[in-house]
Amino acid sequence: MTPFSTKAFRRKTPPSKEEIQEILFNDLMEQIEPELTSANREQTVEMFQELSDEELKERFERYKKAFETFVERWPAYIKEQIVLMNTAVKDFQSIAKNYDLEDLEKMEKQFESFDDA
């Protein structure tokens, strides 16, 4: 779930800063190294137990490179998320001015597309 998903808008309270950070981290890290996302932590730890020392060394080297890639891509990723958020806000404001159920349904579909991204 991205911070701009319809699920986020249906919450009774806004997501906390920490939740947004985790969502953004997971979204970008999923593209780089899915094993490092928070949803996969337990499975990754279990997998470590089955690896030899050499395999662990290789795995940690891969993770190190993944984090380097993450840090490298983070600024552009955040800029992209800000653009998406600002576009969604502008679209929402535009639609809200001309309240129309059909437009609201279009907007809902647009927000749902963020879940797929």
Foldseek 3Di string as FASTA:
>chain_A
DALLAVVQVPDPDHDDPVVNVLRLLQVLLCVQPNCPRPVNVVVNVVVVVVDDPVVVVVVVVSVVVSVVVCVVCVVVSVVVVVVVVVVLVVLVVVCVVVPDPVSVVVSNVVSNVVVVD
